[in-house]
Amino acid sequence: CMDSANLKAVLGNNFQQLPLIQGAACGKITSTEEPSGKDLITNYPNPFDTYTNISFESNGGHTMIQLFDNMGRIIGTPVDNDFVAGRHDVYLDTSGLQSGLYYARLQNREVQQVRKMMKR
């Protein structure tokens, strides 16, 4: 239940707030999916070879995108910053990745969405 400046001072980094307990004083999770079924995170091309462009929708505030391999290990965090509300694009160099299935997880406040991505 701390403001973001104090939270960063105490923890030494910028972390997403996760209101895990519904009805808690700090907030509650209303949904982990966009109610409209809208894709909040996409990438093109998919499948991709040496790069892909990730496009994501932010409601404003701290937004993070993490990349996971098919074993669930975090292999990168291409986005971890504050954004104004709207659509944003990030170029992702994937030349160092092996062929296979990857997952990009968008987290913006209480909203989360996962995108499957295939490297050839």
PDB file of N, CA and C in Angstrom:
ATOM      1  N   CYS A   1       0.816  -1.198   0.000  1.00  0.00           N
ATOM      2  CA  CYS A   1       0.000   0.000   0.000  1.00  0.00           C
ATOM      3  C   CYS A   1       0.858   1.259   0.000  1.00  0.00           C
ATOM      4  N   MET A   2       2.040   1.200  -0.578  1.00  0.00           N
ATOM      5  CA  MET A   2       2.939   2.353  -0.636  1.00  0.00           C
ATOM      6  C   MET A   2       2.786   3.040  -1.987  1.00  0.00           C
ATOM      7  N   ASP A   3       3.100   4.342  -2.010  1.00  0.00           N
ATOM      8  CA  ASP A   3       3.137   5.001  -3.306  1.00  0.00           C
ATOM      9  C   ASP A   3       4.395   4.540  -4.038  1.00  0.00           C
ATOM     10  N   SER A   4       4.436   4.721  -5.354  1.00  0.00           N
ATOM     11  CA  SER A   4       5.509   4.154  -6.171  1.00  0.00           C
ATOM     12  C   SER A   4       6.884   4.714  -5.830  1.00  0.00           C
ATOM     13  N   ALA A   5       6.991   5.979  -5.441  1.00  0.00           N
ATOM     14  CA  ALA A   5       8.295   6.563  -5.096  1.00  0.00           C
ATOM     15  C   ALA A   5       8.877   5.894  -3.854  1.00  0.00           C
ATOM     16  N   ASN A   6       8.063   5.715  -2.812  1.00  0.00           N
ATOM     17  CA  ASN A   6       8.531   5.044  -1.601  1.00  0.00           C
ATOM     18  C   ASN A   6       8.832   3.572  -1.856  1.00  0.00           C
ATOM     19  N   LEU A   7       8.010   2.925  -2.664  1.00  0.00           N
ATOM     20  CA  LEU A   7       8.221   1.521  -2.993  1.00  0.00           C
ATOM     21  C   LEU A   7       9.565   1.331  -3.691  1.00  0.00           C
ATOM     22  N   LYS A   8       9.870   2.210  -4.636  1.00  0.00           N
ATOM     23  CA  LYS A   8      11.147   2.119  -5.354  1.00  0.00           C
ATOM     24  C   LYS A   8      12.316   2.383  -4.408  1.00  0.00           C
ATOM     25  N   ALA A   9      12.153   3.324  -3.488  1.00  0.00           N
ATOM     26  CA  ALA A   9      13.214   3.629  -2.524  1.00  0.00           C
ATOM     27  C   ALA A   9      13.482   2.439  -1.604  1.00  0.00           C
ATOM     28  N   VAL A  10      12.432   1.758  -1.171  1.00  0.00           N
ATOM     29  CA  VAL A  10      12.584   0.631  -0.258  1.00  0.00           C
ATOM     30  C   VAL A  10      13.136  -0.601  -0.978  1.00  0.00           C
ATOM     31  N   LEU A  11      12.590  -0.914  -2.148  1.00  0.00           N
ATOM     32  CA  LEU A  11      12.984  -2.126  -2.860  1.00  0.00           C
ATOM     33  C   LEU A  11      14.155  -1.921  -3.808  1.00  0.00           C
ATOM     34  N   GLY A  12      14.483  -0.663  -4.125  1.00  0.00           N
ATOM     35  CA  GLY A  12      15.636  -0.396  -4.974  1.00  0.00           C
ATOM     36  C   GLY A  12      15.405  -0.619  -6.448  1.00  0.00           C
ATOM     37  N   ASN A  13      14.164  -0.825  -6.854  1.00  0.00           N
ATOM     38  CA  ASN A  13      13.861  -1.038  -8.269  1.00  0.00           C
ATOM     39  C   ASN A  13      12.392  -0.729  -8.488  1.00  0.00           C
ATOM     40  N   ASN A  14      11.990  -0.685  -9.745  1.00  0.00           N
ATOM     41  CA  ASN A  14      10.611  -0.417 -10.109  1.00  0.00           C
ATOM     42  C   ASN A  14       9.902  -1.751 -10.342  1.00  0.00           C
ATOM     43  N   PHE A  15       8.961  -2.106  -9.483  1.00  0.00           N
ATOM     44  CA  PHE A  15       8.247  -3.372  -9.581  1.00  0.00           C
ATOM     45  C   PHE A  15       6.765  -3.124  -9.831  1.00  0.00           C
ATOM     46  N   GLN A  16       6.133  -4.071 -10.509  1.00  0.00           N
ATOM     47  CA  GLN A  16       4.690  -4.024 -10.697  1.00  0.00           C
ATOM     48  C   GLN A  16       4.004  -4.275  -9.365  1.00  0.00           C
ATOM     49  N   GLN A  17       2.941  -3.541  -9.097  1.00  0.00           N
ATOM     50  CA  GLN A  17       2.129  -3.825  -7.922  1.00  0.00           C
ATOM     51  C   GLN A  17       1.103  -4.867  -8.313  1.00  0.00           C
ATOM     52  N   LEU A  18       0.994  -5.917  -7.527  1.00  0.00           N
ATOM     53  CA  LEU A  18       0.033  -6.981  -7.780  1.00  0.00           C
ATOM     54  C   LEU A  18      -0.946  -7.039  -6.613  1.00  0.00           C
ATOM     55  N   PRO A  19      -2.142  -6.513  -6.789  1.00  0.00           N
ATOM     56  CA  PRO A  19      -3.137  -6.579  -5.710  1.00  0.00           C
ATOM     57  C   PRO A  19      -3.695  -7.996  -5.624  1.00  0.00           C
ATOM     58  N   LEU A  20      -3.034  -8.848  -4.853  1.00  0.00           N
ATOM     59  CA  LEU A  20      -3.344 -10.269  -4.836  1.00  0.00           C
ATOM     60  C   LEU A  20      -4.566 -10.643  -4.011  1.00  0.00           C
ATOM     61  N   ILE A  21      -4.899  -9.843  -3.018  1.00  0.00           N
ATOM     62  CA  ILE A  21      -6.015 -10.193  -2.143  1.00  0.00           C
ATOM     63  C   ILE A  21      -7.203  -9.307  -2.486  1.00  0.00           C
ATOM     64  N   GLN A  22      -8.255  -9.935  -3.013  1.00  0.00           N
ATOM     65  CA  GLN A  22      -9.436  -9.179  -3.406  1.00  0.00           C
ATOM     66  C   GLN A  22     -10.040  -8.494  -2.187  1.00  0.00           C
ATOM     67  N   GLY A  23     -10.362  -7.219  -2.341  1.00  0.00           N
ATOM     68  CA  GLY A  23     -10.946  -6.467  -1.256  1.00  0.00           C
ATOM     69  C   GLY A  23      -9.922  -5.853  -0.320  1.00  0.00           C
ATOM     70  N   ALA A  24      -8.627  -6.078  -0.583  1.00  0.00           N
ATOM     71  CA  ALA A  24      -7.589  -5.492   0.271  1.00  0.00           C
ATOM     72  C   ALA A  24      -7.593  -3.981   0.104  1.00  0.00           C
ATOM     73  N   ALA A  25      -7.046  -3.282   1.065  1.00  0.00           N
ATOM     74  CA  ALA A  25      -7.048  -1.829   1.049  1.00  0.00           C
ATOM     75  C   ALA A  25      -6.298  -1.263  -0.158  1.00  0.00           C
ATOM     76  N   CYS A  26      -5.353  -1.996  -0.696  1.00  0.00           N
ATOM     77  CA  CYS A  26      -4.533  -1.489  -1.809  1.00  0.00           C
ATOM     78  C   CYS A  26      -5.198  -1.675  -3.163  1.00  0.00           C
ATOM     79  N   GLY A  27      -6.227  -2.427  -3.273  1.00  0.00           N
ATOM     80  CA  GLY A  27      -6.888  -2.630  -4.555  1.00  0.00           C
ATOM     81  C   GLY A  27      -7.306  -4.069  -4.723  1.00  0.00           C
ATOM     82  N   LYS A  28      -7.822  -4.385  -5.903  1.00  0.00           N
ATOM     83  CA  LYS A  28      -8.239  -5.751  -6.167  1.00  0.00           C
ATOM     84  C   LYS A  28      -8.089  -6.050  -7.651  1.00  0.00           C
ATOM     85  N   ILE A  29      -7.934  -7.305  -7.949  1.00  0.00           N
ATOM     86  CA  ILE A  29      -7.857  -7.741  -9.338  1.00  0.00           C
ATOM     87  C   ILE A  29      -9.278  -7.878  -9.859  1.00  0.00           C
ATOM     88  N   THR A  30      -9.584  -7.172 -10.916  1.00  0.00           N
ATOM     89  CA  THR A  30     -10.915  -7.294 -11.497  1.00  0.00           C
ATOM     90  C   THR A  30     -10.914  -8.349 -12.587  1.00  0.00           C
ATOM     91  N   SER A  31      -9.792  -8.472 -13.297  1.00  0.00           N
ATOM     92  CA  SER A  31      -9.673  -9.465 -14.353  1.00  0.00           C
ATOM     93  C   SER A  31      -8.237  -9.503 -14.813  1.00  0.00           C
ATOM     94  N   THR A  32      -7.774 -10.671 -15.214  1.00  0.00           N
ATOM     95  CA  THR A  32      -6.443 -10.757 -15.794  1.00  0.00           C
ATOM     96  C   THR A  32      -6.524 -10.766 -17.317  1.00  0.00           C
ATOM     97  N   GLU A  33      -7.727 -10.638 -17.848  1.00  0.00           N
ATOM     98  CA  GLU A  33      -7.926 -10.575 -19.293  1.00  0.00           C
ATOM     99  C   GLU A  33      -8.713  -9.324 -19.640  1.00  0.00           C
ATOM    100  N   GLU A  34      -8.471  -8.817 -20.815  1.00  0.00           N
ATOM    101  CA  GLU A  34      -9.232  -7.666 -21.294  1.00  0.00           C
ATOM    102  C   GLU A  34     -10.678  -8.126 -21.500  1.00  0.00           C
ATOM    103  N   PRO A  35     -11.663  -7.438 -20.916  1.00  0.00           N
ATOM    104  CA  PRO A  35     -13.057  -7.882 -21.018  1.00  0.00           C
ATOM    105  C   PRO A  35     -13.559  -7.987 -22.451  1.00  0.00           C
ATOM    106  N   SER A  36     -13.018  -7.171 -23.342  1.00  0.00           N
ATOM    107  CA  SER A  36     -13.496  -7.190 -24.726  1.00  0.00           C
ATOM    108  C   SER A  36     -12.906  -8.343 -25.528  1.00  0.00           C
ATOM    109  N   GLY A  37     -11.937  -9.079 -24.957  1.00  0.00           N
ATOM    110  CA  GLY A  37     -11.268 -10.135 -25.706  1.00  0.00           C
ATOM    111  C   GLY A  37     -10.231  -9.584 -26.670  1.00  0.00           C
ATOM    112  N   LYS A  38      -9.915  -8.318 -26.559  1.00  0.00           N
ATOM    113  CA  LYS A  38      -8.983  -7.631 -27.438  1.00  0.00           C
ATOM    114  C   LYS A  38      -7.550  -8.083 -27.165  1.00  0.00           C
ATOM    115  N   ASP A  39      -6.751  -8.222 -28.230  1.00  0.00           N
ATOM    116  CA  ASP A  39      -5.341  -8.531 -28.081  1.00  0.00           C
ATOM    117  C   ASP A  39      -4.602  -7.290 -27.621  1.00  0.00           C
ATOM    118  N   LEU A  40      -4.081  -7.331 -26.407  1.00  0.00           N
ATOM    119  CA  LEU A  40      -3.332  -6.209 -25.868  1.00  0.00           C
ATOM    120  C   LEU A  40      -1.860  -6.278 -26.263  1.00  0.00           C
ATOM    121  N   ILE A  41      -1.400  -7.465 -26.656  1.00  0.00           N
ATOM    122  CA  ILE A  41      -0.024  -7.644 -27.098  1.00  0.00           C
ATOM    123  C   ILE A  41      -0.017  -8.532 -28.335  1.00  0.00           C
ATOM    124  N   THR A  42       0.665  -8.079 -29.362  1.00  0.00           N
ATOM    125  CA  THR A  42       0.806  -8.839 -30.612  1.00  0.00           C
ATOM    126  C   THR A  42       2.257  -8.724 -31.067  1.00  0.00           C
ATOM    127  N   ASN A  43       2.630  -9.545 -32.023  1.00  0.00           N
ATOM    128  CA  ASN A  43       3.953  -9.389 -32.628  1.00  0.00           C
ATOM    129  C   ASN A  43       3.872  -9.735 -34.109  1.00  0.00           C
ATOM    130  N   TYR A  44       4.741  -9.097 -34.884  1.00  0.00           N
ATOM    131  CA  TYR A  44       4.797  -9.312 -36.321  1.00  0.00           C
ATOM    132  C   TYR A  44       6.241  -9.196 -36.767  1.00  0.00           C
ATOM    133  N   PRO A  45       6.749 -10.070 -37.580  1.00  0.00           N
ATOM    134  CA  PRO A  45       6.097 -11.305 -38.048  1.00  0.00           C
ATOM    135  C   PRO A  45       6.043 -12.364 -36.943  1.00  0.00           C
ATOM    136  N   ASN A  46       5.162 -13.307 -37.153  1.00  0.00           N
ATOM    137  CA  ASN A  46       5.038 -14.451 -36.256  1.00  0.00           C
ATOM    138  C   ASN A  46       4.531 -15.630 -37.075  1.00  0.00           C
ATOM    139  N   PRO A  47       5.363 -16.611 -37.353  1.00  0.00           N
ATOM    140  CA  PRO A  47       6.707 -16.878 -36.856  1.00  0.00           C
ATOM    141  C   PRO A  47       7.734 -15.872 -37.399  1.00  0.00           C
ATOM    142  N   PHE A  48       8.869 -15.783 -36.688  1.00  0.00           N
ATOM    143  CA  PHE A  48       9.907 -14.815 -37.022  1.00  0.00           C
ATOM    144  C   PHE A  48      11.262 -15.507 -37.092  1.00  0.00           C
ATOM    145  N   ASP A  49      12.233 -14.810 -37.667  1.00  0.00           N
ATOM    146  CA  ASP A  49      13.589 -15.346 -37.776  1.00  0.00           C
ATOM    147  C   ASP A  49      14.547 -14.604 -36.829  1.00  0.00           C
ATOM    148  N   THR A  50      15.007 -13.427 -37.238  1.00  0.00           N
ATOM    149  CA  THR A  50      16.015 -12.714 -36.447  1.00  0.00           C
ATOM    150  C   THR A  50      15.460 -11.514 -35.683  1.00  0.00           C
ATOM    151  N   TYR A  51      14.223 -11.149 -35.933  1.00  0.00           N
ATOM    152  CA  TYR A  51      13.611 -10.030 -35.216  1.00  0.00           C
ATOM    153  C   TYR A  51      12.095 -10.183 -35.255  1.00  0.00           C
ATOM    154  N   THR A  52      11.450  -9.490 -34.342  1.00  0.00           N
ATOM    155  CA  THR A  52      10.007  -9.343 -34.367  1.00  0.00           C
ATOM    156  C   THR A  52       9.667  -7.997 -33.734  1.00  0.00           C
ATOM    157  N   ASN A  53       8.582  -7.416 -34.160  1.00  0.00           N
ATOM    158  CA  ASN A  53       8.097  -6.171 -33.573  1.00  0.00           C
ATOM    159  C   ASN A  53       6.944  -6.506 -32.639  1.00  0.00           C
ATOM    160  N   ILE A  54       7.075  -6.110 -31.391  1.00  0.00           N
ATOM    161  CA  ILE A  54       6.021  -6.331 -30.403  1.00  0.00           C
ATOM    162  C   ILE A  54       5.221  -5.045 -30.283  1.00  0.00           C
ATOM    163  N   SER A  55       3.926  -5.165 -30.444  1.00  0.00           N
ATOM    164  CA  SER A  55       3.013  -4.038 -30.305  1.00  0.00           C
ATOM    165  C   SER A  55       2.138  -4.314 -29.083  1.00  0.00           C
ATOM    166  N   PHE A  56       1.974  -3.310 -28.219  1.00  0.00           N
ATOM    167  CA  PHE A  56       1.193  -3.530 -27.008  1.00  0.00           C
ATOM    168  C   PHE A  56       0.380  -2.300 -26.658  1.00  0.00           C
ATOM    169  N   GLU A  57      -0.703  -2.560 -25.964  1.00  0.00           N
ATOM    170  CA  GLU A  57      -1.614  -1.512 -25.502  1.00  0.00           C
ATOM    171  C   GLU A  57      -1.390  -1.307 -24.009  1.00  0.00           C
ATOM    172  N   SER A  58      -1.148  -0.060 -23.612  1.00  0.00           N
ATOM    173  CA  SER A  58      -0.973   0.275 -22.203  1.00  0.00           C
ATOM    174  C   SER A  58      -2.128   1.172 -21.763  1.00  0.00           C
ATOM    175  N   ASN A  59      -2.590   0.953 -20.552  1.00  0.00           N
ATOM    176  CA  ASN A  59      -3.600   1.840 -19.952  1.00  0.00           C
ATOM    177  C   ASN A  59      -2.928   3.011 -19.250  1.00  0.00           C
ATOM    178  N   GLY A  60      -1.630   3.144 -19.438  1.00  0.00           N
ATOM    179  CA  GLY A  60      -0.848   4.183 -18.782  1.00  0.00           C
ATOM    180  C   GLY A  60      -0.188   3.637 -17.527  1.00  0.00           C
ATOM    181  N   GLY A  61       0.914   4.237 -17.143  1.00  0.00           N
ATOM    182  CA  GLY A  61       1.621   3.800 -15.951  1.00  0.00           C
ATOM    183  C   GLY A  61       2.664   2.748 -16.261  1.00  0.00           C
ATOM    184  N   HIS A  62       3.097   2.069 -15.198  1.00  0.00           N
ATOM    185  CA  HIS A  62       4.160   1.075 -15.353  1.00  0.00           C
ATOM    186  C   HIS A  62       3.682  -0.107 -16.185  1.00  0.00           C
ATOM    187  N   THR A  63       4.478  -0.423 -17.202  1.00  0.00           N
ATOM    188  CA  THR A  63       4.160  -1.516 -18.117  1.00  0.00           C
ATOM    189  C   THR A  63       5.396  -2.378 -18.264  1.00  0.00           C
ATOM    190  N   MET A  64       5.203  -3.698 -18.226  1.00  0.00           N
ATOM    191  CA  MET A  64       6.324  -4.618 -18.344  1.00  0.00           C
ATOM    192  C   MET A  64       5.976  -5.732 -19.316  1.00  0.00           C
ATOM    193  N   ILE A  65       6.957  -6.099 -20.146  1.00  0.00           N
ATOM    194  CA  ILE A  65       6.840  -7.275 -21.003  1.00  0.00           C
ATOM    195  C   ILE A  65       8.030  -8.165 -20.693  1.00  0.00           C
ATOM    196  N   GLN A  66       7.745  -9.410 -20.347  1.00  0.00           N
ATOM    197  CA  GLN A  66       8.794 -10.390 -20.092  1.00  0.00           C
ATOM    198  C   GLN A  66       8.692 -11.488 -21.132  1.00  0.00           C
ATOM    199  N   LEU A  67       9.842 -12.016 -21.549  1.00  0.00           N
ATOM    200  CA  LEU A  67       9.895 -13.138 -22.484  1.00  0.00           C
ATOM    201  C   LEU A  67      10.241 -14.407 -21.726  1.00  0.00           C
ATOM    202  N   PHE A  68       9.507 -15.472 -22.010  1.00  0.00           N
ATOM    203  CA  PHE A  68       9.725 -16.761 -21.369  1.00  0.00           C
ATOM    204  C   PHE A  68       9.999 -17.807 -22.446  1.00  0.00           C
ATOM    205  N   ASP A  69      10.858 -18.779 -22.130  1.00  0.00           N
ATOM    206  CA  ASP A  69      11.035 -19.902 -23.047  1.00  0.00           C
ATOM    207  C   ASP A  69       9.950 -20.935 -22.745  1.00  0.00           C
ATOM    208  N   ASN A  70       9.981 -22.054 -23.462  1.00  0.00           N
ATOM    209  CA  ASN A  70       8.913 -23.053 -23.288  1.00  0.00           C
ATOM    210  C   ASN A  70       9.049 -23.844 -21.990  1.00  0.00           C
ATOM    211  N   MET A  71      10.112 -23.587 -21.215  1.00  0.00           N
ATOM    212  CA  MET A  71      10.273 -24.207 -19.902  1.00  0.00           C
ATOM    213  C   MET A  71       9.803 -23.255 -18.786  1.00  0.00           C
ATOM    214  N   GLY A  72       9.350 -22.048 -19.173  1.00  0.00           N
ATOM    215  CA  GLY A  72       8.862 -21.089 -18.205  1.00  0.00           C
ATOM    216  C   GLY A  72       9.937 -20.199 -17.605  1.00  0.00           C
ATOM    217  N   ARG A  73      11.159 -20.261 -18.157  1.00  0.00           N
ATOM    218  CA  ARG A  73      12.247 -19.427 -17.652  1.00  0.00           C
ATOM    219  C   ARG A  73      12.189 -18.051 -18.300  1.00  0.00           C
ATOM    220  N   ILE A  74      12.409 -17.008 -17.502  1.00  0.00           N
ATOM    221  CA  ILE A  74      12.471 -15.651 -18.043  1.00  0.00           C
ATOM    222  C   ILE A  74      13.786 -15.514 -18.800  1.00  0.00           C
ATOM    223  N   ILE A  75      13.691 -15.117 -20.069  1.00  0.00           N
ATOM    224  CA  ILE A  75      14.908 -14.940 -20.860  1.00  0.00           C
ATOM    225  C   ILE A  75      15.165 -13.480 -21.198  1.00  0.00           C
ATOM    226  N   GLY A  76      14.249 -12.611 -20.838  1.00  0.00           N
ATOM    227  CA  GLY A  76      14.457 -11.197 -21.087  1.00  0.00           C
ATOM    228  C   GLY A  76      13.269 -10.356 -20.676  1.00  0.00           C
ATOM    229  N   THR A  77      13.533  -9.067 -20.520  1.00  0.00           N
ATOM    230  CA  THR A  77      12.496  -8.091 -20.185  1.00  0.00           C
ATOM    231  C   THR A  77      12.681  -6.894 -21.111  1.00  0.00           C
ATOM    232  N   PRO A  78      12.124  -6.965 -22.323  1.00  0.00           N
ATOM    233  CA  PRO A  78      12.337  -5.878 -23.283  1.00  0.00           C
ATOM    234  C   PRO A  78      11.614  -4.577 -22.935  1.00  0.00           C
ATOM    235  N   VAL A  79      10.600  -4.653 -22.084  1.00  0.00           N
ATOM    236  CA  VAL A  79       9.856  -3.453 -21.684  1.00  0.00           C
ATOM    237  C   VAL A  79       9.688  -3.479 -20.175  1.00  0.00           C
ATOM    238  N   ASP A  80      10.100  -2.385 -19.514  1.00  0.00           N
ATOM    239  CA  ASP A  80       9.934  -2.240 -18.074  1.00  0.00           C
ATOM    240  C   ASP A  80      10.027  -0.751 -17.762  1.00  0.00           C
ATOM    241  N   ASN A  81       8.925  -0.040 -18.041  1.00  0.00           N
ATOM    242  CA  ASN A  81       8.968   1.413 -17.955  1.00  0.00           C
ATOM    243  C   ASN A  81       7.552   1.971 -17.805  1.00  0.00           C
ATOM    244  N   ASP A  82       7.473   3.256 -17.557  1.00  0.00           N
ATOM    245  CA  ASP A  82       6.190   3.943 -17.523  1.00  0.00           C
ATOM    246  C   ASP A  82       5.835   4.425 -18.926  1.00  0.00           C
ATOM    247  N   PHE A  83       4.571   4.269 -19.299  1.00  0.00           N
ATOM    248  CA  PHE A  83       4.089   4.665 -20.619  1.00  0.00           C
ATOM    249  C   PHE A  83       2.802   5.462 -20.467  1.00  0.00           C
ATOM    250  N   VAL A  84       2.553   6.339 -21.412  1.00  0.00           N
ATOM    251  CA  VAL A  84       1.246   6.988 -21.486  1.00  0.00           C
ATOM    252  C   VAL A  84       0.275   5.980 -22.082  1.00  0.00           C
ATOM    253  N   ALA A  85      -0.993   6.185 -21.843  1.00  0.00           N
ATOM    254  CA  ALA A  85      -2.001   5.278 -22.388  1.00  0.00           C
ATOM    255  C   ALA A  85      -1.948   5.306 -23.910  1.00  0.00           C
ATOM    256  N   GLY A  86      -2.096   4.129 -24.510  1.00  0.00           N
ATOM    257  CA  GLY A  86      -2.103   4.028 -25.965  1.00  0.00           C
ATOM    258  C   GLY A  86      -1.325   2.822 -26.452  1.00  0.00           C
ATOM    259  N   ARG A  87      -1.165   2.768 -27.771  1.00  0.00           N
ATOM    260  CA  ARG A  87      -0.472   1.660 -28.437  1.00  0.00           C
ATOM    261  C   ARG A  87       1.001   2.022 -28.587  1.00  0.00           C
ATOM    262  N   HIS A  88       1.884   1.055 -28.335  1.00  0.00           N
ATOM    263  CA  HIS A  88       3.319   1.263 -28.426  1.00  0.00           C
ATOM    264  C   HIS A  88       3.954   0.081 -29.147  1.00  0.00           C
ATOM    265  N   ASP A  89       5.112   0.310 -29.763  1.00  0.00           N
ATOM    266  CA  ASP A  89       5.831  -0.726 -30.502  1.00  0.00           C
ATOM    267  C   ASP A  89       7.259  -0.827 -30.007  1.00  0.00           C
ATOM    268  N   VAL A  90       7.763  -2.066 -29.969  1.00  0.00           N
ATOM    269  CA  VAL A  90       9.130  -2.335 -29.555  1.00  0.00           C
ATOM    270  C   VAL A  90       9.747  -3.311 -30.552  1.00  0.00           C
ATOM    271  N   TYR A  91      10.935  -2.967 -31.055  1.00  0.00           N
ATOM    272  CA  TYR A  91      11.698  -3.858 -31.928  1.00  0.00           C
ATOM    273  C   TYR A  91      12.454  -4.835 -31.036  1.00  0.00           C
ATOM    274  N   LEU A  92      12.383  -6.128 -31.351  1.00  0.00           N
ATOM    275  CA  LEU A  92      13.047  -7.141 -30.546  1.00  0.00           C
ATOM    276  C   LEU A  92      13.997  -7.947 -31.422  1.00  0.00           C
ATOM    277  N   ASP A  93      15.291  -7.830 -31.150  1.00  0.00           N
ATOM    278  CA  ASP A  93      16.316  -8.612 -31.842  1.00  0.00           C
ATOM    279  C   ASP A  93      16.311 -10.015 -31.244  1.00  0.00           C
ATOM    280  N   THR A  94      15.999 -11.008 -32.056  1.00  0.00           N
ATOM    281  CA  THR A  94      15.906 -12.385 -31.577  1.00  0.00           C
ATOM    282  C   THR A  94      16.997 -13.270 -32.164  1.00  0.00           C
ATOM    283  N   SER A  95      18.040 -12.654 -32.717  1.00  0.00           N
ATOM    284  CA  SER A  95      19.098 -13.430 -33.376  1.00  0.00           C
ATOM    285  C   SER A  95      19.806 -14.376 -32.412  1.00  0.00           C
ATOM    286  N   GLY A  96      19.803 -14.075 -31.106  1.00  0.00           N
ATOM    287  CA  GLY A  96      20.467 -14.934 -30.128  1.00  0.00           C
ATOM    288  C   GLY A  96      19.594 -16.056 -29.591  1.00  0.00           C
ATOM    289  N   LEU A  97      18.347 -16.125 -30.021  1.00  0.00           N
ATOM    290  CA  LEU A  97      17.434 -17.161 -29.529  1.00  0.00           C
ATOM    291  C   LEU A  97      17.451 -18.382 -30.428  1.00  0.00           C
ATOM    292  N   GLN A  98      17.289 -19.550 -29.825  1.00  0.00           N
ATOM    293  CA  GLN A  98      17.160 -20.784 -30.595  1.00  0.00           C
ATOM    294  C   GLN A  98      15.749 -20.881 -31.159  1.00  0.00           C
ATOM    295  N   SER A  99      15.586 -21.704 -32.180  1.00  0.00           N
ATOM    296  CA  SER A  99      14.256 -21.944 -32.742  1.00  0.00           C
ATOM    297  C   SER A  99      13.361 -22.566 -31.681  1.00  0.00           C
ATOM    298  N   GLY A 100      12.088 -22.182 -31.692  1.00  0.00           N
ATOM    299  CA  GLY A 100      11.149 -22.770 -30.744  1.00  0.00           C
ATOM    300  C   GLY A 100      10.043 -21.813 -30.363  1.00  0.00           C
ATOM    301  N   LEU A 101       9.258 -22.235 -29.394  1.00  0.00           N
ATOM    302  CA  LEU A 101       8.107 -21.487 -28.925  1.00  0.00           C
ATOM    303  C   LEU A 101       8.514 -20.607 -27.740  1.00  0.00           C
ATOM    304  N   TYR A 102       8.077 -19.357 -27.768  1.00  0.00           N
ATOM    305  CA  TYR A 102       8.342 -18.402 -26.698  1.00  0.00           C
ATOM    306  C   TYR A 102       7.021 -17.735 -26.305  1.00  0.00           C
ATOM    307  N   TYR A 103       7.026 -17.132 -25.139  1.00  0.00           N
ATOM    308  CA  TYR A 103       5.845 -16.437 -24.642  1.00  0.00           C
ATOM    309  C   TYR A 103       6.241 -15.026 -24.214  1.00  0.00           C
ATOM    310  N   ALA A 104       5.444 -14.049 -24.612  1.00  0.00           N
ATOM    311  CA  ALA A 104       5.631 -12.670 -24.177  1.00  0.00           C
ATOM    312  C   ALA A 104       4.467 -12.339 -23.253  1.00  0.00           C
ATOM    313  N   ARG A 105       4.793 -11.961 -22.016  1.00  0.00           N
ATOM    314  CA  ARG A 105       3.746 -11.633 -21.044  1.00  0.00           C
ATOM    315  C   ARG A 105       3.732 -10.129 -20.807  1.00  0.00           C
ATOM    316  N   LEU A 106       2.600  -9.518 -21.128  1.00  0.00           N
ATOM    317  CA  LEU A 106       2.372  -8.102 -20.883  1.00  0.00           C
ATOM    318  C   LEU A 106       1.724  -7.951 -19.514  1.00  0.00           C
ATOM    319  N   GLN A 107       2.257  -7.041 -18.710  1.00  0.00           N
ATOM    320  CA  GLN A 107       1.635  -6.710 -17.434  1.00  0.00           C
ATOM    321  C   GLN A 107       1.560  -5.200 -17.322  1.00  0.00           C
ATOM    322  N   ASN A 108       0.349  -4.692 -17.155  1.00  0.00           N
ATOM    323  CA  ASN A 108       0.100  -3.266 -16.995  1.00  0.00           C
ATOM    324  C   ASN A 108      -0.922  -3.118 -15.878  1.00  0.00           C
ATOM    325  N   ARG A 109      -0.404  -2.765 -14.700  1.00  0.00           N
ATOM    326  CA  ARG A 109      -1.213  -2.728 -13.480  1.00  0.00           C
ATOM    327  C   ARG A 109      -1.793  -4.110 -13.234  1.00  0.00           C
ATOM    328  N   GLU A 110      -3.111  -4.236 -13.061  1.00  0.00           N
ATOM    329  CA  GLU A 110      -3.686  -5.550 -12.775  1.00  0.00           C
ATOM    330  C   GLU A 110      -3.981  -6.365 -14.028  1.00  0.00           C
ATOM    331  N   VAL A 111      -3.774  -5.785 -15.211  1.00  0.00           N
ATOM    332  CA  VAL A 111      -4.072  -6.470 -16.466  1.00  0.00           C
ATOM    333  C   VAL A 111      -2.842  -7.241 -16.943  1.00  0.00           C
ATOM    334  N   GLN A 112      -3.049  -8.495 -17.304  1.00  0.00           N
ATOM    335  CA  GLN A 112      -1.983  -9.320 -17.850  1.00  0.00           C
ATOM    336  C   GLN A 112      -2.508 -10.044 -19.083  1.00  0.00           C
ATOM    337  N   GLN A 113      -1.608 -10.250 -20.030  1.00  0.00           N
ATOM    338  CA  GLN A 113      -1.959 -11.030 -21.205  1.00  0.00           C
ATOM    339  C   GLN A 113      -0.699 -11.681 -21.748  1.00  0.00           C
ATOM    340  N   VAL A 114      -0.829 -12.904 -22.247  1.00  0.00           N
ATOM    341  CA  VAL A 114       0.310 -13.662 -22.761  1.00  0.00           C
ATOM    342  C   VAL A 114       0.137 -13.906 -24.250  1.00  0.00           C
ATOM    343  N   ARG A 115       1.237 -13.777 -24.979  1.00  0.00           N
ATOM    344  CA  ARG A 115       1.249 -13.965 -26.440  1.00  0.00           C
ATOM    345  C   ARG A 115       2.238 -15.074 -26.776  1.00  0.00           C
ATOM    346  N   LYS A 116       1.802 -16.072 -27.564  1.00  0.00           N
ATOM    347  CA  LYS A 116       2.708 -17.106 -28.063  1.00  0.00           C
ATOM    348  C   LYS A 116       3.456 -16.562 -29.271  1.00  0.00           C
ATOM    349  N   MET A 117       4.756 -16.849 -29.318  1.00  0.00           N
ATOM    350  CA  MET A 117       5.577 -16.406 -30.451  1.00  0.00           C
ATOM    351  C   MET A 117       6.469 -17.577 -30.886  1.00  0.00           C
ATOM    352  N   MET A 118       6.620 -17.746 -32.186  1.00  0.00           N
ATOM    353  CA  MET A 118       7.384 -18.867 -32.724  1.00  0.00           C
ATOM    354  C   MET A 118       8.606 -18.358 -33.473  1.00  0.00           C
ATOM    355  N   LYS A 119       9.781 -18.829 -33.034  1.00  0.00           N
ATOM    356  CA  LYS A 119      11.027 -18.516 -33.763  1.00  0.00           C
ATOM    357  C   LYS A 119      11.349 -19.694 -34.673  1.00  0.00           C
ATOM    358  N   ARG A 120      11.596 -19.373 -35.958  1.00  0.00           N
ATOM    359  CA  ARG A 120      11.947 -20.432 -36.927  1.00  0.00           C
ATOM    360  C   ARG A 120      13.396 -20.828 -36.795  1.00  0.00           C
TER     361      ARG A 120
END
